[in-house]
Amino acid sequence: SELSAATKVSMIFWGQRATSSSTVEQGRREAGGGITSYIYSDGFLYYQLNGGVGFISSTGTAWKHCSMVYDGGGATNADKCKIYLNGANQILGFGGTLPSSLATISSDFRIGRDGTFGDYQSGLTDMLIVYKEAISSSWALTSYNNQNNPGNLGSAGFLRFYH
């Protein structure tokens, strides 16, 4: 319920696709909308907000630090959605119109599974953090720099979720 009707949300996570056709996914989504982030089998990194989506190409199977930032107060899709990959701000493609607030939804926030389609991820997720605020670019970079030791992922106090 914390994310229902939210106007600002940030998700930070490390993700790794096991193979080029694997997925990494987390969020809460149902027919009326929601918020999800995923590295999908088509090689793109998506941040889906209700019916709108921001995305970038993200091929390969290396660990990726993903900071997904939503600020519904922005005037355009580019103002409302930011993706920082390994600490660097990305130029996004967009589909649909991003909302000024998230829908009120009743589904659970899921790690490693898409609630709408019932898909399970086939990659790895480490250190997922969800903030009910829009983090800054310097916060995204600092987060990446402070955690950039992929050899420790899954073994140094992080939780690993996979199916």
N, C-alpha and C. Protein backbone atom coordinates (compact mmCIF):
# COMPACT_ATOMS: atom_id res chain seq x y z
N SER A 1 0.81 -1.20 0.00
CA SER A 1 0.00 0.00 0.00
C SER A 1 0.85 1.26 0.00
N GLU A 2 2.11 1.17 0.42
CA GLU A 2 2.98 2.35 0.47
C GLU A 2 3.20 2.98 -0.92
N LEU A 3 3.15 2.20 -1.97
CA LEU A 3 3.41 2.74 -3.30
C LEU A 3 2.15 3.17 -4.05
N SER A 4 0.98 2.83 -3.52
CA SER A 4 -0.27 3.22 -4.17
C SER A 4 -0.39 4.73 -4.19
N ALA A 5 -0.67 5.27 -5.35
CA ALA A 5 -0.86 6.70 -5.58
C ALA A 5 0.40 7.53 -5.29
N ALA A 6 1.56 6.91 -5.20
CA ALA A 6 2.80 7.63 -4.95
C ALA A 6 3.13 8.55 -6.13
N THR A 7 3.74 9.69 -5.83
CA THR A 7 4.16 10.62 -6.88
C THR A 7 5.67 10.58 -7.10
N LYS A 8 6.40 9.91 -6.20
CA LYS A 8 7.85 9.74 -6.35
C LYS A 8 8.25 8.38 -5.81
N VAL A 9 9.05 7.66 -6.60
CA VAL A 9 9.56 6.35 -6.18
C VAL A 9 10.89 6.12 -6.86
N SER A 10 11.84 5.57 -6.12
CA SER A 10 13.12 5.14 -6.71
C SER A 10 13.37 3.69 -6.32
N MET A 11 13.91 2.94 -7.26
CA MET A 11 14.29 1.55 -7.01
C MET A 11 15.75 1.40 -7.42
N ILE A 12 16.54 0.85 -6.52
CA ILE A 12 17.95 0.58 -6.81
C ILE A 12 18.18 -0.91 -6.62
N PHE A 13 18.83 -1.54 -7.57
CA PHE A 13 19.13 -2.97 -7.43
C PHE A 13 20.31 -3.35 -8.31
N TRP A 14 20.92 -4.45 -7.96
CA TRP A 14 21.89 -5.11 -8.83
C TRP A 14 21.14 -6.25 -9.51
N GLY A 15 21.33 -6.39 -10.81
CA GLY A 15 20.68 -7.47 -11.55
C GLY A 15 21.66 -8.13 -12.51
N GLN A 16 21.46 -9.41 -12.71
CA GLN A 16 22.27 -10.15 -13.68
C GLN A 16 21.40 -11.20 -14.36
N ARG A 17 21.35 -11.12 -15.68
CA ARG A 17 20.66 -12.16 -16.42
C ARG A 17 21.57 -13.38 -16.51
N ALA A 18 21.03 -14.55 -16.27
CA ALA A 18 21.83 -15.77 -16.30
C ALA A 18 22.30 -16.10 -17.72
N THR A 19 21.43 -15.85 -18.69
CA THR A 19 21.75 -16.02 -20.10
C THR A 19 21.17 -14.83 -20.85
N SER A 20 21.47 -14.71 -22.13
CA SER A 20 20.96 -13.57 -22.88
C SER A 20 19.44 -13.58 -23.01
N SER A 21 18.79 -14.70 -22.74
CA SER A 21 17.32 -14.75 -22.80
C SER A 21 16.68 -14.75 -21.41
N SER A 22 17.46 -14.49 -20.36
CA SER A 22 16.94 -14.47 -18.99
C SER A 22 16.31 -13.13 -18.66
N THR A 23 15.57 -13.09 -17.55
CA THR A 23 14.97 -11.86 -17.06
C THR A 23 15.28 -11.66 -15.58
N VAL A 24 15.27 -10.40 -15.17
CA VAL A 24 15.36 -10.00 -13.78
C VAL A 24 14.21 -9.03 -13.56
N GLU A 25 13.36 -9.26 -12.55
CA GLU A 25 12.18 -8.42 -12.42
C GLU A 25 11.73 -8.27 -10.98
N GLN A 26 11.17 -7.09 -10.70
CA GLN A 26 10.59 -6.81 -9.41
C GLN A 26 9.60 -5.67 -9.52
N GLY A 27 8.62 -5.64 -8.63
CA GLY A 27 7.64 -4.57 -8.62
C GLY A 27 6.26 -5.07 -8.29
N ARG A 28 5.30 -4.19 -8.50
CA ARG A 28 3.90 -4.56 -8.30
C ARG A 28 3.09 -4.04 -9.46
N ARG A 29 2.38 -4.94 -10.07
CA ARG A 29 1.64 -4.58 -11.28
C ARG A 29 0.38 -5.42 -11.35
N GLU A 30 -0.66 -4.79 -11.85
CA GLU A 30 -1.90 -5.48 -12.16
C GLU A 30 -2.55 -4.75 -13.33
N ALA A 31 -3.71 -5.18 -13.75
CA ALA A 31 -4.34 -4.62 -14.95
C ALA A 31 -4.49 -3.10 -14.88
N GLY A 32 -4.72 -2.53 -13.69
CA GLY A 32 -4.95 -1.10 -13.56
C GLY A 32 -3.69 -0.25 -13.50
N GLY A 33 -2.52 -0.87 -13.46
CA GLY A 33 -1.28 -0.10 -13.41
C GLY A 33 -0.29 -0.71 -12.45
N GLY A 34 0.65 0.11 -12.00
CA GLY A 34 1.65 -0.35 -11.06
C GLY A 34 3.02 0.18 -11.39
N ILE A 35 4.01 -0.42 -10.75
CA ILE A 35 5.40 -0.01 -10.94
C ILE A 35 6.27 -1.27 -10.96
N THR A 36 7.02 -1.45 -12.02
CA THR A 36 7.93 -2.58 -12.12
C THR A 36 9.23 -2.13 -12.77
N SER A 37 10.29 -2.82 -12.44
CA SER A 37 11.57 -2.63 -13.13
C SER A 37 12.08 -4.00 -13.50
N TYR A 38 12.63 -4.09 -14.69
CA TYR A 38 13.14 -5.39 -15.10
C TYR A 38 14.17 -5.27 -16.21
N ILE A 39 15.07 -6.21 -16.19
CA ILE A 39 16.01 -6.44 -17.29
C ILE A 39 15.39 -7.61 -18.04
N TYR A 40 14.92 -7.35 -19.24
CA TYR A 40 14.10 -8.35 -19.91
C TYR A 40 14.90 -9.17 -20.91
N SER A 41 14.30 -10.25 -21.36
CA SER A 41 14.95 -11.18 -22.27
C SER A 41 15.23 -10.57 -23.65
N ASP A 42 14.61 -9.44 -23.96
CA ASP A 42 14.86 -8.78 -25.25
C ASP A 42 16.09 -7.88 -25.21
N GLY A 43 16.81 -7.84 -24.06
CA GLY A 43 18.03 -7.05 -23.95
C GLY A 43 17.80 -5.61 -23.55
N PHE A 44 16.62 -5.29 -23.06
CA PHE A 44 16.32 -3.93 -22.61
C PHE A 44 16.07 -3.89 -21.11
N LEU A 45 16.37 -2.75 -20.52
CA LEU A 45 16.08 -2.46 -19.13
C LEU A 45 14.87 -1.54 -19.12
N TYR A 46 13.79 -1.95 -18.43
CA TYR A 46 12.53 -1.23 -18.43
C TYR A 46 12.17 -0.73 -17.03
N TYR A 47 11.55 0.44 -16.98
CA TYR A 47 10.94 0.97 -15.77
C TYR A 47 9.52 1.31 -16.15
N GLN A 48 8.58 0.45 -15.74
CA GLN A 48 7.19 0.60 -16.16
C GLN A 48 6.39 1.25 -15.04
N LEU A 49 5.68 2.31 -15.39
CA LEU A 49 4.89 3.10 -14.45
C LEU A 49 3.48 3.23 -15.01
N ASN A 50 2.53 2.53 -14.39
CA ASN A 50 1.17 2.42 -14.93
C ASN A 50 1.29 1.97 -16.38
N GLY A 51 0.71 2.67 -17.34
CA GLY A 51 0.78 2.24 -18.74
C GLY A 51 1.98 2.76 -19.49
N GLY A 52 2.76 3.67 -18.89
CA GLY A 52 3.93 4.23 -19.56
C GLY A 52 5.20 3.51 -19.17
N VAL A 53 6.22 3.64 -20.00
CA VAL A 53 7.47 2.94 -19.73
C VAL A 53 8.66 3.75 -20.26
N GLY A 54 9.74 3.75 -19.48
CA GLY A 54 11.03 4.26 -19.93
C GLY A 54 11.95 3.06 -20.12
N PHE A 55 12.83 3.09 -21.13
CA PHE A 55 13.66 1.92 -21.39
C PHE A 55 14.97 2.30 -22.06
N ILE A 56 15.96 1.41 -21.89
CA ILE A 56 17.26 1.53 -22.56
C ILE A 56 17.73 0.14 -22.95
N SER A 57 18.61 0.08 -23.91
CA SER A 57 19.25 -1.19 -24.27
C SER A 57 20.19 -1.59 -23.16
N SER A 58 20.17 -2.85 -22.81
CA SER A 58 21.02 -3.35 -21.72
C SER A 58 21.38 -4.81 -21.98
N THR A 59 22.12 -5.05 -23.04
CA THR A 59 22.45 -6.41 -23.44
C THR A 59 23.54 -6.99 -22.54
N GLY A 60 23.74 -8.27 -22.67
CA GLY A 60 24.80 -8.95 -21.94
C GLY A 60 24.33 -9.54 -20.62
N THR A 61 25.23 -10.27 -20.00
CA THR A 61 24.90 -10.97 -18.77
C THR A 61 25.76 -10.53 -17.58
N ALA A 62 26.45 -9.41 -17.70
CA ALA A 62 27.24 -8.89 -16.58
C ALA A 62 26.31 -8.31 -15.51
N TRP A 63 26.79 -8.25 -14.28
CA TRP A 63 26.05 -7.57 -13.22
C TRP A 63 25.86 -6.11 -13.61
N LYS A 64 24.65 -5.58 -13.34
CA LYS A 64 24.33 -4.19 -13.62
C LYS A 64 23.75 -3.55 -12.36
N HIS A 65 24.22 -2.35 -12.05
CA HIS A 65 23.63 -1.57 -10.95
C HIS A 65 22.61 -0.65 -11.60
N CYS A 66 21.35 -0.80 -11.23
CA CYS A 66 20.26 -0.07 -11.85
C CYS A 66 19.58 0.83 -10.83
N SER A 67 19.55 2.12 -11.12
CA SER A 67 18.79 3.07 -10.30
C SER A 67 17.68 3.61 -11.18
N MET A 68 16.46 3.34 -10.79
CA MET A 68 15.29 3.74 -11.54
C MET A 68 14.57 4.81 -10.72
N VAL A 69 14.38 6.00 -11.29
CA VAL A 69 13.84 7.13 -10.55
C VAL A 69 12.57 7.64 -11.23
N TYR A 70 11.51 7.77 -10.43
CA TYR A 70 10.23 8.30 -10.92
C TYR A 70 9.87 9.55 -10.12
N ASP A 71 9.55 10.63 -10.82
CA ASP A 71 9.06 11.86 -10.22
C ASP A 71 7.86 12.34 -11.03
N GLY A 72 6.67 12.07 -10.54
CA GLY A 72 5.45 12.40 -11.26
C GLY A 72 5.22 13.88 -11.46
N GLY A 73 5.99 14.74 -10.78
CA GLY A 73 5.84 16.17 -10.94
C GLY A 73 6.49 16.73 -12.18
N GLY A 74 7.20 15.90 -12.92
CA GLY A 74 7.87 16.36 -14.14
C GLY A 74 6.88 16.74 -15.23
N ALA A 75 7.30 17.62 -16.12
CA ALA A 75 6.44 18.08 -17.21
C ALA A 75 6.39 17.10 -18.38
N THR A 76 7.46 16.35 -18.60
CA THR A 76 7.55 15.42 -19.74
C THR A 76 7.94 14.04 -19.24
N ASN A 77 7.84 13.05 -20.12
CA ASN A 77 8.30 11.70 -19.75
C ASN A 77 9.74 11.71 -19.29
N ALA A 78 10.60 12.47 -19.98
CA ALA A 78 12.02 12.53 -19.62
C ALA A 78 12.24 13.18 -18.25
N ASP A 79 11.34 14.07 -17.84
CA ASP A 79 11.42 14.66 -16.50
C ASP A 79 10.92 13.70 -15.44
N LYS A 80 9.99 12.84 -15.81
CA LYS A 80 9.36 11.94 -14.85
C LYS A 80 10.13 10.65 -14.61
N CYS A 81 10.92 10.20 -15.57
CA CYS A 81 11.58 8.90 -15.47
C CYS A 81 13.06 9.03 -15.81
N LYS A 82 13.90 8.55 -14.91
CA LYS A 82 15.35 8.51 -15.12
C LYS A 82 15.84 7.09 -14.83
N ILE A 83 16.80 6.66 -15.60
CA ILE A 83 17.47 5.38 -15.34
C ILE A 83 18.97 5.66 -15.31
N TYR A 84 19.60 5.24 -14.23
CA TYR A 84 21.05 5.33 -14.08
C TYR A 84 21.59 3.91 -14.12
N LEU A 85 22.43 3.63 -15.10
CA LEU A 85 23.02 2.30 -15.24
C LEU A 85 24.48 2.40 -14.82
N ASN A 86 24.85 1.64 -13.81
CA ASN A 86 26.20 1.69 -13.23
C ASN A 86 26.59 3.13 -12.89
N GLY A 87 25.63 3.88 -12.35
CA GLY A 87 25.86 5.24 -11.88
C GLY A 87 25.72 6.32 -12.94
N ALA A 88 25.59 5.96 -14.20
CA ALA A 88 25.55 6.95 -15.29
C ALA A 88 24.11 7.16 -15.78
N ASN A 89 23.70 8.42 -15.89
CA ASN A 89 22.38 8.76 -16.40
C ASN A 89 22.28 8.32 -17.87
N GLN A 90 21.14 7.75 -18.23
CA GLN A 90 20.94 7.22 -19.57
C GLN A 90 19.92 8.05 -20.35
N ILE A 91 20.04 8.07 -21.66
CA ILE A 91 19.03 8.66 -22.52
C ILE A 91 18.02 7.56 -22.82
N LEU A 92 16.78 7.82 -22.47
CA LEU A 92 15.75 6.78 -22.53
C LEU A 92 14.88 6.89 -23.76
N GLY A 93 14.34 5.74 -24.14
CA GLY A 93 13.21 5.70 -25.05
C GLY A 93 11.96 5.60 -24.18
N PHE A 94 10.81 5.98 -24.72
CA PHE A 94 9.59 5.95 -23.94
C PHE A 94 8.47 5.32 -24.74
N GLY A 95 7.57 4.67 -24.02
CA GLY A 95 6.35 4.16 -24.60
C GLY A 95 5.19 4.65 -23.75
N GLY A 96 4.16 5.18 -24.37
CA GLY A 96 3.02 5.69 -23.62
C GLY A 96 3.35 6.97 -22.88
N THR A 97 2.43 7.40 -22.05
CA THR A 97 2.61 8.60 -21.25
C THR A 97 2.76 8.22 -19.80
N LEU A 98 3.80 8.72 -19.16
CA LEU A 98 4.03 8.43 -17.75
C LEU A 98 3.07 9.25 -16.90
N PRO A 99 2.57 8.67 -15.82
CA PRO A 99 1.55 9.32 -15.00
C PRO A 99 2.14 10.36 -14.04
N SER A 100 1.26 11.19 -13.49
CA SER A 100 1.68 12.13 -12.45
C SER A 100 1.66 11.46 -11.07
N SER A 101 0.98 10.32 -10.96
CA SER A 101 1.02 9.50 -9.75
C SER A 101 0.71 8.06 -10.15
N LEU A 102 1.16 7.14 -9.33
CA LEU A 102 0.90 5.73 -9.60
C LEU A 102 -0.55 5.39 -9.28
N ALA A 103 -1.05 4.38 -9.92
CA ALA A 103 -2.40 3.91 -9.65
C ALA A 103 -2.48 3.33 -8.24
N THR A 104 -3.68 3.31 -7.70
CA THR A 104 -3.91 2.61 -6.43
C THR A 104 -4.16 1.15 -6.79
N ILE A 105 -3.26 0.29 -6.36
CA ILE A 105 -3.37 -1.12 -6.70
C ILE A 105 -3.29 -1.97 -5.45
N SER A 106 -3.78 -3.18 -5.53
CA SER A 106 -3.84 -4.04 -4.35
C SER A 106 -2.85 -5.21 -4.40
N SER A 107 -2.16 -5.39 -5.51
CA SER A 107 -1.25 -6.54 -5.62
C SER A 107 -0.01 -6.34 -4.75
N ASP A 108 0.66 -7.45 -4.47
CA ASP A 108 1.87 -7.43 -3.67
C ASP A 108 3.06 -6.96 -4.49
N PHE A 109 4.03 -6.38 -3.81
CA PHE A 109 5.32 -6.08 -4.44
C PHE A 109 6.06 -7.41 -4.51
N ARG A 110 6.51 -7.79 -5.68
CA ARG A 110 7.16 -9.10 -5.88
C ARG A 110 8.59 -8.92 -6.34
N ILE A 111 9.44 -9.75 -5.84
CA ILE A 111 10.83 -9.80 -6.27
C ILE A 111 11.02 -11.14 -6.98
N GLY A 112 11.38 -11.07 -8.25
CA GLY A 112 11.62 -12.30 -9.00
C GLY A 112 10.40 -12.87 -9.69
N ARG A 113 9.30 -12.14 -9.67
CA ARG A 113 8.09 -12.64 -10.33
C ARG A 113 7.23 -11.48 -10.78
N ASP A 114 6.66 -11.60 -11.95
CA ASP A 114 5.71 -10.63 -12.45
C ASP A 114 4.31 -11.09 -12.07
N GLY A 115 3.62 -10.30 -11.27
CA GLY A 115 2.30 -10.69 -10.79
C GLY A 115 1.23 -10.74 -11.86
N THR A 116 1.36 -9.96 -12.90
CA THR A 116 0.34 -9.93 -13.96
C THR A 116 0.42 -11.17 -14.84
N PHE A 117 1.62 -11.50 -15.27
CA PHE A 117 1.79 -12.61 -16.21
C PHE A 117 2.23 -13.90 -15.54
N GLY A 118 2.62 -13.83 -14.27
CA GLY A 118 3.05 -15.02 -13.56
C GLY A 118 4.43 -15.50 -13.98
N ASP A 119 5.20 -14.65 -14.67
CA ASP A 119 6.55 -15.02 -15.09
C ASP A 119 7.49 -15.00 -13.89
N TYR A 120 8.37 -15.97 -13.83
CA TYR A 120 9.43 -15.99 -12.82
C TYR A 120 10.73 -15.54 -13.48
N GLN A 121 11.54 -14.80 -12.74
CA GLN A 121 12.80 -14.38 -13.32
C GLN A 121 13.74 -15.57 -13.43
N SER A 122 14.64 -15.49 -14.39
CA SER A 122 15.64 -16.53 -14.61
C SER A 122 17.04 -15.95 -14.48
N GLY A 123 17.12 -14.80 -13.84
CA GLY A 123 18.40 -14.15 -13.54
C GLY A 123 18.52 -13.96 -12.05
N LEU A 124 19.38 -13.05 -11.63
CA LEU A 124 19.65 -12.84 -10.21
C LEU A 124 19.39 -11.38 -9.83
N THR A 125 18.86 -11.19 -8.64
CA THR A 125 18.66 -9.86 -8.06
C THR A 125 19.39 -9.80 -6.74
N ASP A 126 20.16 -8.76 -6.53
CA ASP A 126 20.82 -8.52 -5.25
C ASP A 126 20.52 -7.10 -4.81
N MET A 127 20.40 -6.90 -3.54
CA MET A 127 20.33 -5.61 -2.89
C MET A 127 19.29 -4.68 -3.50
N LEU A 128 18.06 -5.05 -3.42
CA LEU A 128 16.98 -4.20 -3.90
C LEU A 128 16.60 -3.21 -2.80
N ILE A 129 16.56 -1.92 -3.15
CA ILE A 129 16.12 -0.88 -2.22
C ILE A 129 15.03 -0.08 -2.92
N VAL A 130 13.94 0.18 -2.22
CA VAL A 130 12.85 0.99 -2.76
C VAL A 130 12.69 2.21 -1.85
N TYR A 131 12.76 3.39 -2.45
CA TYR A 131 12.58 4.64 -1.74
C TYR A 131 11.30 5.31 -2.22
N LYS A 132 10.58 5.94 -1.31
CA LYS A 132 9.39 6.70 -1.71
C LYS A 132 9.80 8.16 -1.90
N GLU A 133 10.80 8.37 -2.73
CA GLU A 133 11.29 9.68 -3.12
C GLU A 133 12.09 9.52 -4.40
N ALA A 134 12.32 10.62 -5.07
CA ALA A 134 13.12 10.61 -6.30
C ALA A 134 14.56 10.93 -5.93
N ILE A 135 15.44 9.94 -6.05
CA ILE A 135 16.84 10.17 -5.69
C ILE A 135 17.52 11.03 -6.76
N SER A 136 18.58 11.70 -6.37
CA SER A 136 19.33 12.57 -7.29
C SER A 136 20.35 11.76 -8.09
N SER A 137 20.89 12.37 -9.13
CA SER A 137 21.94 11.71 -9.93
C SER A 137 23.17 11.44 -9.07
N SER A 138 23.51 12.34 -8.15
CA SER A 138 24.69 12.12 -7.30
C SER A 138 24.43 10.96 -6.33
N TRP A 139 23.20 10.79 -5.88
CA TRP A 139 22.84 9.67 -5.01
C TRP A 139 23.01 8.37 -5.78
N ALA A 140 22.52 8.33 -7.03
CA ALA A 140 22.65 7.12 -7.85
C ALA A 140 24.11 6.76 -8.07
N LEU A 141 24.94 7.75 -8.35
CA LEU A 141 26.36 7.49 -8.57
C LEU A 141 27.05 7.05 -7.29
N THR A 142 26.74 7.70 -6.18
CA THR A 142 27.34 7.31 -4.90
C THR A 142 26.93 5.89 -4.52
N SER A 143 25.68 5.55 -4.74
CA SER A 143 25.19 4.20 -4.46
C SER A 143 25.99 3.17 -5.26
N TYR A 144 26.18 3.44 -6.53
CA TYR A 144 26.96 2.54 -7.38
C TYR A 144 28.41 2.43 -6.88
N ASN A 145 29.05 3.57 -6.65
CA ASN A 145 30.45 3.56 -6.21
C ASN A 145 30.64 2.86 -4.88
N ASN A 146 29.69 3.02 -3.96
CA ASN A 146 29.80 2.39 -2.65
C ASN A 146 29.60 0.88 -2.69
N GLN A 147 28.96 0.38 -3.72
CA GLN A 147 28.63 -1.04 -3.78
C GLN A 147 29.32 -1.76 -4.93
N ASN A 148 30.20 -1.09 -5.64
CA ASN A 148 30.77 -1.67 -6.85
C ASN A 148 31.87 -2.67 -6.53
N ASN A 149 31.45 -3.83 -6.07
CA ASN A 149 32.34 -4.96 -5.86
C ASN A 149 31.54 -6.21 -6.20
N PRO A 150 31.25 -6.44 -7.50
CA PRO A 150 30.38 -7.53 -7.90
C PRO A 150 30.81 -8.90 -7.39
N GLY A 151 32.10 -9.08 -7.05
CA GLY A 151 32.53 -10.37 -6.51
C GLY A 151 31.87 -10.69 -5.19
N ASN A 152 31.38 -9.67 -4.48
CA ASN A 152 30.72 -9.89 -3.20
C ASN A 152 29.22 -10.10 -3.34
N LEU A 153 28.66 -9.82 -4.49
CA LEU A 153 27.21 -9.91 -4.62
C LEU A 153 26.73 -11.32 -4.30
N GLY A 154 25.73 -11.38 -3.44
CA GLY A 154 25.17 -12.66 -3.04
C GLY A 154 25.93 -13.33 -1.93
N SER A 155 27.06 -12.77 -1.50
CA SER A 155 27.83 -13.45 -0.45
C SER A 155 28.28 -12.52 0.67
N ALA A 156 27.96 -11.25 0.60
CA ALA A 156 28.47 -10.31 1.61
C ALA A 156 27.32 -9.55 2.26
N GLY A 157 26.32 -10.27 2.76
CA GLY A 157 25.24 -9.62 3.45
C GLY A 157 24.08 -9.20 2.56
N PHE A 158 24.12 -9.52 1.29
CA PHE A 158 23.04 -9.21 0.39
C PHE A 158 22.06 -10.39 0.37
N LEU A 159 20.84 -10.11 -0.01
CA LEU A 159 19.87 -11.17 -0.24
C LEU A 159 19.84 -11.46 -1.74
N ARG A 160 19.80 -12.69 -2.10
CA ARG A 160 19.73 -13.08 -3.50
C ARG A 160 18.39 -13.77 -3.74
N PHE A 161 17.65 -13.29 -4.74
CA PHE A 161 16.37 -13.86 -5.07
C PHE A 161 16.42 -14.42 -6.48
N TYR A 162 16.07 -15.65 -6.64
CA TYR A 162 15.97 -16.23 -7.98
C TYR A 162 15.06 -17.44 -7.92
N HIS A 163 14.60 -17.85 -9.06
CA HIS A 163 13.68 -18.99 -9.13
C HIS A 163 14.35 -20.09 -9.91
